[in-house]
Amino acid sequence: MNSNKVMYLEHLRKTAQRAKAEAAAIEAKLGDIQIPTKVSELTNDSGYQTAAQVAAAVAGSDHLKRRKVESLEAIDLTAPDAAQYIYMVPKANAKGGDKYDEYMVLDGALEPVGSWAVDLTGYVQAEEGKGLSANDFTDEDKAKLDGMTFATDAEVDAMLDEVFGAGTENT
């Protein structure tokens, strides 16, 4: 064995002896203290909840529920649990998937909360005999558009190469 290995082993032996002595000193200080090995053996001084307590709290909390009713008049605004429901009232003129109006009791009043209706006022209406490509602009505008030339793919690639450097690929 060379001297470096002997010196290393001696150092390792002394370190192990020191660690063993420190462990014995700690053990002597602790005496008969029992260290908990299970969570159930710990003191819950922060008030953490168990899984059973969490499940019970969730089960006992107020949840919104859905209730189908025949009409608005069938909703009892004064019922103690009235605010826990989304009331589904059938539409008289139901179309497609929109068969119900939804209401909730908020602060003792009935409020609409859901609707599939979309306000399309202000949108272009379809006109008989016209398609999407009808020429509704002036002849001057049409001539201006007809006079425009568009860049080719090669011209666009050259411009991108100039701006971003060679090797730009359009993938």
N, C-alpha and C. Protein backbone atom coordinates (compact mmCIF):
# COMPACT_ATOMS: atom_id res chain seq x y z
N MET A 1 0.83 -1.18 0.00
CA MET A 1 0.00 0.00 0.00
C MET A 1 0.88 1.24 0.00
N ASN A 2 0.42 2.24 -0.75
CA ASN A 2 1.25 3.44 -0.73
C ASN A 2 0.83 4.34 0.43
N SER A 3 1.65 5.31 0.72
CA SER A 3 1.44 6.15 1.91
C SER A 3 0.19 7.02 1.80
N ASN A 4 -0.17 7.43 0.58
CA ASN A 4 -1.39 8.24 0.41
C ASN A 4 -2.63 7.45 0.81
N LYS A 5 -2.69 6.19 0.41
CA LYS A 5 -3.84 5.36 0.76
C LYS A 5 -3.91 5.14 2.26
N VAL A 6 -2.78 4.91 2.89
CA VAL A 6 -2.73 4.68 4.34
C VAL A 6 -3.20 5.94 5.06
N MET A 7 -2.74 7.10 4.60
CA MET A 7 -3.13 8.36 5.22
C MET A 7 -4.65 8.59 5.04
N TYR A 8 -5.16 8.28 3.86
CA TYR A 8 -6.58 8.44 3.59
C TYR A 8 -7.41 7.52 4.49
N LEU A 9 -7.00 6.26 4.62
CA LEU A 9 -7.72 5.32 5.47
C LEU A 9 -7.67 5.73 6.94
N GLU A 10 -6.55 6.27 7.38
CA GLU A 10 -6.43 6.73 8.76
C GLU A 10 -7.38 7.91 9.01
N HIS A 11 -7.43 8.82 8.05
CA HIS A 11 -8.33 9.97 8.16
C HIS A 11 -9.79 9.48 8.20
N LEU A 12 -10.13 8.52 7.36
CA LEU A 12 -11.48 7.96 7.32
C LEU A 12 -11.82 7.28 8.65
N ARG A 13 -10.86 6.55 9.24
CA ARG A 13 -11.08 5.88 10.52
C ARG A 13 -11.35 6.90 11.63
N LYS A 14 -10.56 7.97 11.67
CA LYS A 14 -10.75 9.01 12.70
C LYS A 14 -12.11 9.71 12.54
N THR A 15 -12.51 9.96 11.29
CA THR A 15 -13.82 10.60 11.03
C THR A 15 -14.94 9.70 11.51
N ALA A 16 -14.86 8.42 11.25
CA ALA A 16 -15.89 7.47 11.68
C ALA A 16 -15.94 7.40 13.20
N GLN A 17 -14.78 7.40 13.86
CA GLN A 17 -14.76 7.37 15.32
C GLN A 17 -15.39 8.63 15.91
N ARG A 18 -15.11 9.79 15.28
CA ARG A 18 -15.66 11.05 15.76
C ARG A 18 -17.20 11.05 15.59
N ALA A 19 -17.68 10.56 14.45
CA ALA A 19 -19.12 10.49 14.20
C ALA A 19 -19.80 9.56 15.20
N LYS A 20 -19.14 8.44 15.52
CA LYS A 20 -19.70 7.48 16.47
C LYS A 20 -19.78 8.10 17.87
N ALA A 21 -18.76 8.85 18.24
CA ALA A 21 -18.74 9.50 19.56
C ALA A 21 -19.83 10.58 19.64
N GLU A 22 -19.98 11.36 18.55
CA GLU A 22 -21.02 12.40 18.53
C GLU A 22 -22.41 11.78 18.62
N ALA A 23 -22.64 10.69 17.91
CA ALA A 23 -23.93 10.01 17.96
C ALA A 23 -24.21 9.50 19.36
N ALA A 24 -23.19 8.96 20.03
CA ALA A 24 -23.37 8.46 21.40
C ALA A 24 -23.69 9.61 22.35
N ALA A 25 -23.04 10.77 22.14
CA ALA A 25 -23.30 11.94 23.00
C ALA A 25 -24.74 12.43 22.81
N ILE A 26 -25.19 12.47 21.58
CA ILE A 26 -26.57 12.90 21.31
C ILE A 26 -27.55 11.93 21.93
N GLU A 27 -27.27 10.66 21.78
CA GLU A 27 -28.15 9.63 22.34
C GLU A 27 -28.21 9.75 23.85
N ALA A 28 -27.09 10.06 24.49
CA ALA A 28 -27.06 10.21 25.94
C ALA A 28 -27.88 11.42 26.37
N LYS A 29 -27.82 12.50 25.59
CA LYS A 29 -28.59 13.70 25.91
C LYS A 29 -30.08 13.44 25.78
N LEU A 30 -30.47 12.68 24.75
CA LEU A 30 -31.88 12.42 24.50
C LEU A 30 -32.46 11.47 25.53
N GLY A 31 -31.66 10.57 26.02
CA GLY A 31 -32.14 9.63 27.02
C GLY A 31 -33.25 8.76 26.47
N ASP A 32 -34.41 8.78 27.15
CA ASP A 32 -35.52 7.93 26.76
C ASP A 32 -36.58 8.66 25.92
N ILE A 33 -36.20 9.75 25.28
CA ILE A 33 -37.17 10.47 24.45
C ILE A 33 -37.59 9.58 23.30
N GLN A 34 -38.90 9.48 23.15
CA GLN A 34 -39.44 8.69 22.05
C GLN A 34 -39.67 9.60 20.85
N ILE A 35 -39.08 9.29 19.74
CA ILE A 35 -39.24 10.09 18.53
C ILE A 35 -40.40 9.49 17.74
N PRO A 36 -41.39 10.32 17.41
CA PRO A 36 -42.55 9.80 16.67
C PRO A 36 -42.12 9.28 15.30
N THR A 37 -42.73 8.20 14.89
CA THR A 37 -42.44 7.63 13.58
C THR A 37 -43.67 7.63 12.68
N LYS A 38 -44.81 8.08 13.22
CA LYS A 38 -46.05 8.17 12.45
C LYS A 38 -46.63 9.57 12.62
N VAL A 39 -47.31 10.05 11.60
CA VAL A 39 -47.94 11.36 11.67
C VAL A 39 -48.95 11.39 12.81
N SER A 40 -49.64 10.29 13.02
CA SER A 40 -50.67 10.25 14.08
C SER A 40 -50.07 10.42 15.47
N GLU A 41 -48.77 10.24 15.62
CA GLU A 41 -48.11 10.39 16.91
C GLU A 41 -47.68 11.84 17.18
N LEU A 42 -47.80 12.72 16.20
CA LEU A 42 -47.39 14.11 16.34
C LEU A 42 -48.50 14.94 16.98
N THR A 43 -48.12 16.04 17.61
CA THR A 43 -49.08 16.97 18.17
C THR A 43 -49.52 17.92 17.07
N ASN A 44 -50.82 18.09 16.89
CA ASN A 44 -51.37 18.95 15.84
C ASN A 44 -51.54 20.36 16.41
N ASP A 45 -50.41 21.05 16.65
CA ASP A 45 -50.49 22.37 17.26
C ASP A 45 -50.82 23.48 16.25
N SER A 46 -50.90 23.16 14.96
CA SER A 46 -51.28 24.15 13.95
C SER A 46 -52.73 23.98 13.51
N GLY A 47 -53.41 22.98 14.03
CA GLY A 47 -54.82 22.78 13.70
C GLY A 47 -55.08 22.24 12.31
N TYR A 48 -54.11 21.51 11.74
CA TYR A 48 -54.31 20.92 10.43
C TYR A 48 -55.48 19.93 10.48
N GLN A 49 -56.20 19.85 9.36
CA GLN A 49 -57.38 19.00 9.29
C GLN A 49 -57.02 17.62 8.73
N THR A 50 -57.69 16.62 9.23
CA THR A 50 -57.51 15.26 8.71
C THR A 50 -58.34 15.11 7.44
N ALA A 51 -58.10 14.07 6.69
CA ALA A 51 -58.87 13.81 5.48
C ALA A 51 -60.35 13.67 5.80
N ALA A 52 -60.67 13.04 6.91
CA ALA A 52 -62.08 12.87 7.30
C ALA A 52 -62.71 14.22 7.64
N GLN A 53 -61.95 15.10 8.30
CA GLN A 53 -62.48 16.43 8.65
C GLN A 53 -62.71 17.26 7.39
N VAL A 54 -61.81 17.18 6.43
CA VAL A 54 -61.96 17.91 5.17
C VAL A 54 -63.19 17.40 4.41
N ALA A 55 -63.33 16.09 4.33
CA ALA A 55 -64.48 15.51 3.63
C ALA A 55 -65.79 15.93 4.29
N ALA A 56 -65.82 15.95 5.60
CA ALA A 56 -67.04 16.36 6.32
C ALA A 56 -67.34 17.84 6.08
N ALA A 57 -66.32 18.69 6.04
CA ALA A 57 -66.52 20.12 5.80
C ALA A 57 -67.05 20.37 4.39
N VAL A 58 -66.52 19.65 3.41
CA VAL A 58 -66.99 19.80 2.04
C VAL A 58 -68.43 19.33 1.92
N ALA A 59 -68.73 18.18 2.54
CA ALA A 59 -70.09 17.64 2.47
C ALA A 59 -71.10 18.57 3.15
N GLY A 60 -70.68 19.27 4.19
CA GLY A 60 -71.58 20.14 4.94
C GLY A 60 -71.66 21.56 4.40
N SER A 61 -70.87 21.88 3.38
CA SER A 61 -70.88 23.26 2.87
C SER A 61 -72.03 23.48 1.89
N ASP A 62 -72.33 24.74 1.66
CA ASP A 62 -73.38 25.08 0.70
C ASP A 62 -72.85 24.91 -0.71
N HIS A 63 -73.56 24.16 -1.51
CA HIS A 63 -73.21 23.95 -2.90
C HIS A 63 -74.36 24.43 -3.76
N LEU A 64 -74.04 24.99 -4.91
CA LEU A 64 -75.10 25.31 -5.86
C LEU A 64 -75.62 24.01 -6.44
N LYS A 65 -76.92 23.94 -6.55
CA LYS A 65 -77.56 22.77 -7.14
C LYS A 65 -78.47 23.25 -8.25
N ARG A 66 -78.82 22.38 -9.13
CA ARG A 66 -79.73 22.72 -10.22
C ARG A 66 -81.11 22.17 -9.88
N ARG A 67 -82.12 22.99 -10.17
CA ARG A 67 -83.50 22.54 -9.93
C ARG A 67 -84.35 22.96 -11.12
N LYS A 68 -85.00 21.96 -11.73
CA LYS A 68 -85.92 22.25 -12.83
C LYS A 68 -87.28 22.62 -12.24
N VAL A 69 -87.83 23.72 -12.74
CA VAL A 69 -89.17 24.14 -12.33
C VAL A 69 -89.98 24.39 -13.59
N GLU A 70 -91.30 24.36 -13.47
CA GLU A 70 -92.18 24.53 -14.63
C GLU A 70 -92.33 25.99 -15.06
N SER A 71 -92.18 26.92 -14.08
CA SER A 71 -92.37 28.33 -14.40
C SER A 71 -91.68 29.18 -13.33
N LEU A 72 -91.59 30.47 -13.59
CA LEU A 72 -91.01 31.38 -12.59
C LEU A 72 -91.86 31.41 -11.33
N GLU A 73 -93.15 31.26 -11.49
CA GLU A 73 -94.05 31.29 -10.34
C GLU A 73 -93.81 30.10 -9.39
N ALA A 74 -93.21 29.05 -9.87
CA ALA A 74 -92.96 27.86 -9.05
C ALA A 74 -91.74 28.04 -8.13
N ILE A 75 -91.02 29.15 -8.27
CA ILE A 75 -89.83 29.39 -7.45
C ILE A 75 -90.24 30.13 -6.18
N ASP A 76 -89.95 29.52 -5.03
CA ASP A 76 -90.28 30.13 -3.74
C ASP A 76 -89.10 30.98 -3.30
N LEU A 77 -89.21 32.30 -3.44
CA LEU A 77 -88.12 33.22 -3.10
C LEU A 77 -87.82 33.24 -1.61
N THR A 78 -88.76 32.81 -0.78
CA THR A 78 -88.59 32.87 0.68
C THR A 78 -88.11 31.56 1.29
N ALA A 79 -87.94 30.52 0.46
CA ALA A 79 -87.48 29.23 1.00
C ALA A 79 -86.08 29.41 1.59
N PRO A 80 -85.80 28.75 2.73
CA PRO A 80 -84.49 28.93 3.39
C PRO A 80 -83.31 28.56 2.49
N ASP A 81 -83.51 27.63 1.57
CA ASP A 81 -82.41 27.20 0.70
C ASP A 81 -82.55 27.75 -0.72
N ALA A 82 -83.36 28.77 -0.91
CA ALA A 82 -83.65 29.30 -2.24
C ALA A 82 -82.38 29.77 -2.97
N ALA A 83 -81.42 30.32 -2.24
CA ALA A 83 -80.21 30.86 -2.87
C ALA A 83 -79.21 29.76 -3.25
N GLN A 84 -79.50 28.51 -2.93
CA GLN A 84 -78.58 27.42 -3.24
C GLN A 84 -78.85 26.79 -4.60
N TYR A 85 -79.83 27.32 -5.33
CA TYR A 85 -80.23 26.67 -6.58
C TYR A 85 -80.04 27.58 -7.79
N ILE A 86 -79.74 26.95 -8.90
CA ILE A 86 -79.89 27.56 -10.21
C ILE A 86 -81.18 26.94 -10.74
N TYR A 87 -82.17 27.78 -10.93
CA TYR A 87 -83.49 27.30 -11.36
C TYR A 87 -83.53 27.25 -12.89
N MET A 88 -83.90 26.11 -13.42
CA MET A 88 -83.98 25.89 -14.86
C MET A 88 -85.45 25.97 -15.27
N VAL A 89 -85.80 27.05 -16.00
CA VAL A 89 -87.18 27.29 -16.41
C VAL A 89 -87.27 27.01 -17.91
N PRO A 90 -88.15 26.08 -18.32
CA PRO A 90 -88.24 25.75 -19.76
C PRO A 90 -88.63 26.97 -20.59
N LYS A 91 -87.99 27.07 -21.76
CA LYS A 91 -88.33 28.14 -22.69
C LYS A 91 -89.56 27.72 -23.49
N ALA A 92 -90.39 28.68 -23.80
CA ALA A 92 -91.57 28.39 -24.61
C ALA A 92 -91.17 28.14 -26.06
N ASN A 93 -90.16 28.84 -26.54
CA ASN A 93 -89.73 28.72 -27.94
C ASN A 93 -88.31 28.16 -28.01
N ALA A 94 -88.06 27.04 -27.34
CA ALA A 94 -86.72 26.46 -27.28
C ALA A 94 -86.23 26.06 -28.66
N LYS A 95 -84.98 26.43 -28.96
CA LYS A 95 -84.36 26.07 -30.24
C LYS A 95 -83.05 25.35 -29.95
N GLY A 96 -82.83 24.23 -30.60
CA GLY A 96 -81.57 23.51 -30.44
C GLY A 96 -81.28 23.14 -29.01
N GLY A 97 -80.07 23.46 -28.54
CA GLY A 97 -79.64 23.09 -27.19
C GLY A 97 -80.07 24.07 -26.12
N ASP A 98 -80.68 25.19 -26.50
CA ASP A 98 -81.07 26.20 -25.53
C ASP A 98 -82.52 25.99 -25.12
N LYS A 99 -82.73 25.09 -24.16
CA LYS A 99 -84.09 24.71 -23.77
C LYS A 99 -84.55 25.36 -22.48
N TYR A 100 -83.63 25.99 -21.73
CA TYR A 100 -83.98 26.55 -20.43
C TYR A 100 -83.41 27.96 -20.27
N ASP A 101 -84.12 28.76 -19.49
CA ASP A 101 -83.58 30.01 -18.98
C ASP A 101 -83.14 29.71 -17.56
N GLU A 102 -82.02 30.29 -17.14
CA GLU A 102 -81.48 30.02 -15.81
C GLU A 102 -81.66 31.23 -14.92
N TYR A 103 -82.08 30.98 -13.67
CA TYR A 103 -82.32 32.05 -12.69
C TYR A 103 -81.72 31.64 -11.36
N MET A 104 -81.37 32.65 -10.55
CA MET A 104 -80.95 32.43 -9.16
C MET A 104 -81.67 33.44 -8.28
N VAL A 105 -81.83 33.08 -7.01
CA VAL A 105 -82.38 34.02 -6.04
C VAL A 105 -81.18 34.71 -5.39
N LEU A 106 -81.07 36.01 -5.63
CA LEU A 106 -79.97 36.81 -5.09
C LEU A 106 -80.56 37.96 -4.28
N ASP A 107 -80.21 38.02 -3.01
CA ASP A 107 -80.74 39.05 -2.10
C ASP A 107 -82.26 39.10 -2.12
N GLY A 108 -82.89 37.92 -2.19
CA GLY A 108 -84.33 37.82 -2.14
C GLY A 108 -85.05 38.11 -3.45
N ALA A 109 -84.31 38.39 -4.51
CA ALA A 109 -84.93 38.70 -5.81
C ALA A 109 -84.49 37.67 -6.84
N LEU A 110 -85.35 37.40 -7.79
CA LEU A 110 -85.06 36.45 -8.85
C LEU A 110 -84.28 37.17 -9.96
N GLU A 111 -83.10 36.65 -10.29
CA GLU A 111 -82.23 37.27 -11.30
C GLU A 111 -81.91 36.28 -12.40
N PRO A 112 -82.00 36.69 -13.66
CA PRO A 112 -81.56 35.79 -14.75
C PRO A 112 -80.03 35.71 -14.73
N VAL A 113 -79.51 34.50 -14.89
CA VAL A 113 -78.04 34.34 -14.84
C VAL A 113 -77.47 33.68 -16.07
N GLY A 114 -78.28 33.17 -16.94
CA GLY A 114 -77.72 32.50 -18.11
C GLY A 114 -78.62 32.63 -19.31
N SER A 115 -77.98 32.74 -20.47
CA SER A 115 -78.74 32.82 -21.70
C SER A 115 -77.83 32.47 -22.86
N TRP A 116 -78.40 31.81 -23.82
CA TRP A 116 -77.65 31.48 -25.04
C TRP A 116 -77.89 32.53 -26.11
N ALA A 117 -78.75 33.49 -25.83
CA ALA A 117 -79.10 34.49 -26.83
C ALA A 117 -77.89 35.35 -27.17
N VAL A 118 -77.77 35.68 -28.44
CA VAL A 118 -76.68 36.52 -28.91
C VAL A 118 -77.28 37.71 -29.63
N ASP A 119 -76.86 38.91 -29.27
CA ASP A 119 -77.36 40.12 -29.92
C ASP A 119 -76.58 40.33 -31.22
N LEU A 120 -77.25 40.18 -32.34
CA LEU A 120 -76.62 40.32 -33.65
C LEU A 120 -76.97 41.64 -34.33
N THR A 121 -77.53 42.58 -33.57
CA THR A 121 -77.82 43.88 -34.18
C THR A 121 -76.50 44.53 -34.56
N GLY A 122 -76.49 45.18 -35.69
CA GLY A 122 -75.27 45.82 -36.16
C GLY A 122 -74.45 44.95 -37.09
N TYR A 123 -74.77 43.68 -37.18
CA TYR A 123 -74.06 42.80 -38.10
C TYR A 123 -74.73 42.87 -39.48
N VAL A 124 -73.96 42.61 -40.51
CA VAL A 124 -74.48 42.65 -41.87
C VAL A 124 -75.48 41.51 -42.05
N GLN A 125 -76.62 41.86 -42.58
CA GLN A 125 -77.67 40.87 -42.82
C GLN A 125 -77.51 40.29 -44.23
N ALA A 126 -77.87 39.06 -44.39
CA ALA A 126 -77.82 38.42 -45.71
C ALA A 126 -78.86 39.08 -46.62
N GLU A 127 -78.47 39.29 -47.86
CA GLU A 127 -79.39 39.87 -48.83
C GLU A 127 -79.66 38.86 -49.93
N GLU A 128 -80.88 38.77 -50.31
CA GLU A 128 -81.29 37.83 -51.36
C GLU A 128 -80.51 38.10 -52.64
N GLY A 129 -79.94 37.05 -53.24
CA GLY A 129 -79.24 37.17 -54.51
C GLY A 129 -77.79 37.58 -54.40
N LYS A 130 -77.30 37.83 -53.19
CA LYS A 130 -75.90 38.22 -53.03
C LYS A 130 -75.16 37.12 -52.28
N GLY A 131 -73.94 36.90 -52.70
CA GLY A 131 -73.07 35.97 -51.98
C GLY A 131 -72.03 36.75 -51.23
N LEU A 132 -71.04 36.06 -50.75
CA LEU A 132 -69.97 36.73 -50.01
C LEU A 132 -69.08 37.58 -50.91
N SER A 133 -69.10 37.32 -52.21
CA SER A 133 -68.20 38.04 -53.11
C SER A 133 -68.91 39.08 -53.96
N ALA A 134 -70.06 39.57 -53.53
CA ALA A 134 -70.78 40.57 -54.31
C ALA A 134 -69.95 41.85 -54.41
N ASN A 135 -69.97 42.50 -55.58
CA ASN A 135 -69.21 43.73 -55.82
C ASN A 135 -70.05 44.91 -55.36
N ASP A 136 -69.93 45.25 -54.05
CA ASP A 136 -70.73 46.34 -53.48
C ASP A 136 -69.93 47.63 -53.36
N PHE A 137 -68.73 47.70 -53.90
CA PHE A 137 -67.95 48.92 -53.80
C PHE A 137 -67.92 49.62 -55.16
N THR A 138 -67.39 50.82 -55.15
CA THR A 138 -67.43 51.64 -56.37
C THR A 138 -66.52 51.09 -57.45
N ASP A 139 -66.77 51.52 -58.68
CA ASP A 139 -65.91 51.10 -59.78
C ASP A 139 -64.48 51.62 -59.58
N GLU A 140 -64.35 52.79 -58.98
CA GLU A 140 -63.02 53.36 -58.70
C GLU A 140 -62.26 52.45 -57.73
N ASP A 141 -62.95 51.98 -56.64
CA ASP A 141 -62.32 51.06 -55.69
C ASP A 141 -61.95 49.75 -56.38
N LYS A 142 -62.83 49.26 -57.25
CA LYS A 142 -62.59 48.01 -57.96
C LYS A 142 -61.37 48.16 -58.86
N ALA A 143 -61.25 49.29 -59.57
CA ALA A 143 -60.10 49.53 -60.45
C ALA A 143 -58.81 49.60 -59.65
N LYS A 144 -58.86 50.22 -58.47
CA LYS A 144 -57.67 50.32 -57.62
C LYS A 144 -57.21 48.93 -57.19
N LEU A 145 -58.16 48.09 -56.79
CA LEU A 145 -57.82 46.72 -56.40
C LEU A 145 -57.27 45.91 -57.57
N ASP A 146 -57.89 46.08 -58.74
CA ASP A 146 -57.43 45.34 -59.92
C ASP A 146 -56.03 45.76 -60.33
N GLY A 147 -55.64 46.99 -60.01
CA GLY A 147 -54.32 47.48 -60.39
C GLY A 147 -53.20 47.09 -59.43
N MET A 148 -53.55 46.47 -58.32
CA MET A 148 -52.53 46.09 -57.34
C MET A 148 -51.78 44.85 -57.78
N THR A 149 -50.48 44.82 -57.49
CA THR A 149 -49.69 43.62 -57.74
C THR A 149 -49.23 43.08 -56.39
N PHE A 150 -49.16 41.80 -56.31
CA PHE A 150 -48.79 41.15 -55.06
C PHE A 150 -47.42 40.52 -55.19
N ALA A 151 -46.69 40.46 -54.10
CA ALA A 151 -45.35 39.86 -54.10
C ALA A 151 -45.47 38.36 -54.29
N THR A 152 -44.49 37.81 -55.00
CA THR A 152 -44.44 36.35 -55.16
C THR A 152 -43.84 35.74 -53.90
N ASP A 153 -43.97 34.43 -53.77
CA ASP A 153 -43.36 33.73 -52.64
C ASP A 153 -41.85 33.96 -52.60
N ALA A 154 -41.21 33.96 -53.79
CA ALA A 154 -39.76 34.16 -53.86
C ALA A 154 -39.39 35.56 -53.37
N GLU A 155 -40.21 36.57 -53.71
CA GLU A 155 -39.94 37.94 -53.27
C GLU A 155 -40.11 38.06 -51.75
N VAL A 156 -41.11 37.40 -51.22
CA VAL A 156 -41.32 37.42 -49.77
C VAL A 156 -40.15 36.73 -49.07
N ASP A 157 -39.72 35.57 -49.59
CA ASP A 157 -38.57 34.86 -49.00
C ASP A 157 -37.33 35.73 -49.03
N ALA A 158 -37.08 36.44 -50.15
CA ALA A 158 -35.90 37.31 -50.26
C ALA A 158 -35.97 38.43 -49.22
N MET A 159 -37.15 39.01 -49.01
CA MET A 159 -37.31 40.07 -48.04
C MET A 159 -37.07 39.55 -46.62
N LEU A 160 -37.57 38.35 -46.32
CA LEU A 160 -37.36 37.76 -45.00
C LEU A 160 -35.88 37.46 -44.78
N ASP A 161 -35.21 36.97 -45.81
CA ASP A 161 -33.78 36.71 -45.70
C ASP A 161 -33.02 38.00 -45.42
N GLU A 162 -33.44 39.09 -46.08
CA GLU A 162 -32.78 40.37 -45.88
C GLU A 162 -32.97 40.88 -44.46
N VAL A 163 -34.19 40.71 -43.92
CA VAL A 163 -34.51 41.21 -42.59
C VAL A 163 -33.95 40.31 -41.49
N PHE A 164 -34.16 39.01 -41.64
CA PHE A 164 -33.81 38.08 -40.57
C PHE A 164 -32.55 37.27 -40.83
N GLY A 165 -31.98 37.37 -42.00
CA GLY A 165 -30.78 36.62 -42.34
C GLY A 165 -31.13 35.39 -43.14
N ALA A 166 -30.15 34.93 -43.90
CA ALA A 166 -30.33 33.76 -44.77
C ALA A 166 -30.70 32.55 -43.93
N GLY A 167 -31.40 31.63 -44.55
CA GLY A 167 -31.73 30.38 -43.87
C GLY A 167 -33.12 30.39 -43.27
N THR A 168 -33.86 31.51 -43.40
CA THR A 168 -35.23 31.53 -42.88
C THR A 168 -36.07 30.62 -43.75
N GLU A 169 -36.67 29.65 -43.14
CA GLU A 169 -37.50 28.69 -43.87
C GLU A 169 -38.95 28.91 -43.50
N ASN A 170 -39.80 28.78 -44.44
CA ASN A 170 -41.25 28.86 -44.19
C ASN A 170 -41.76 27.43 -44.05
N THR A 171 -41.86 26.97 -42.80
CA THR A 171 -42.28 25.57 -42.56
C THR A 171 -43.69 25.50 -42.12
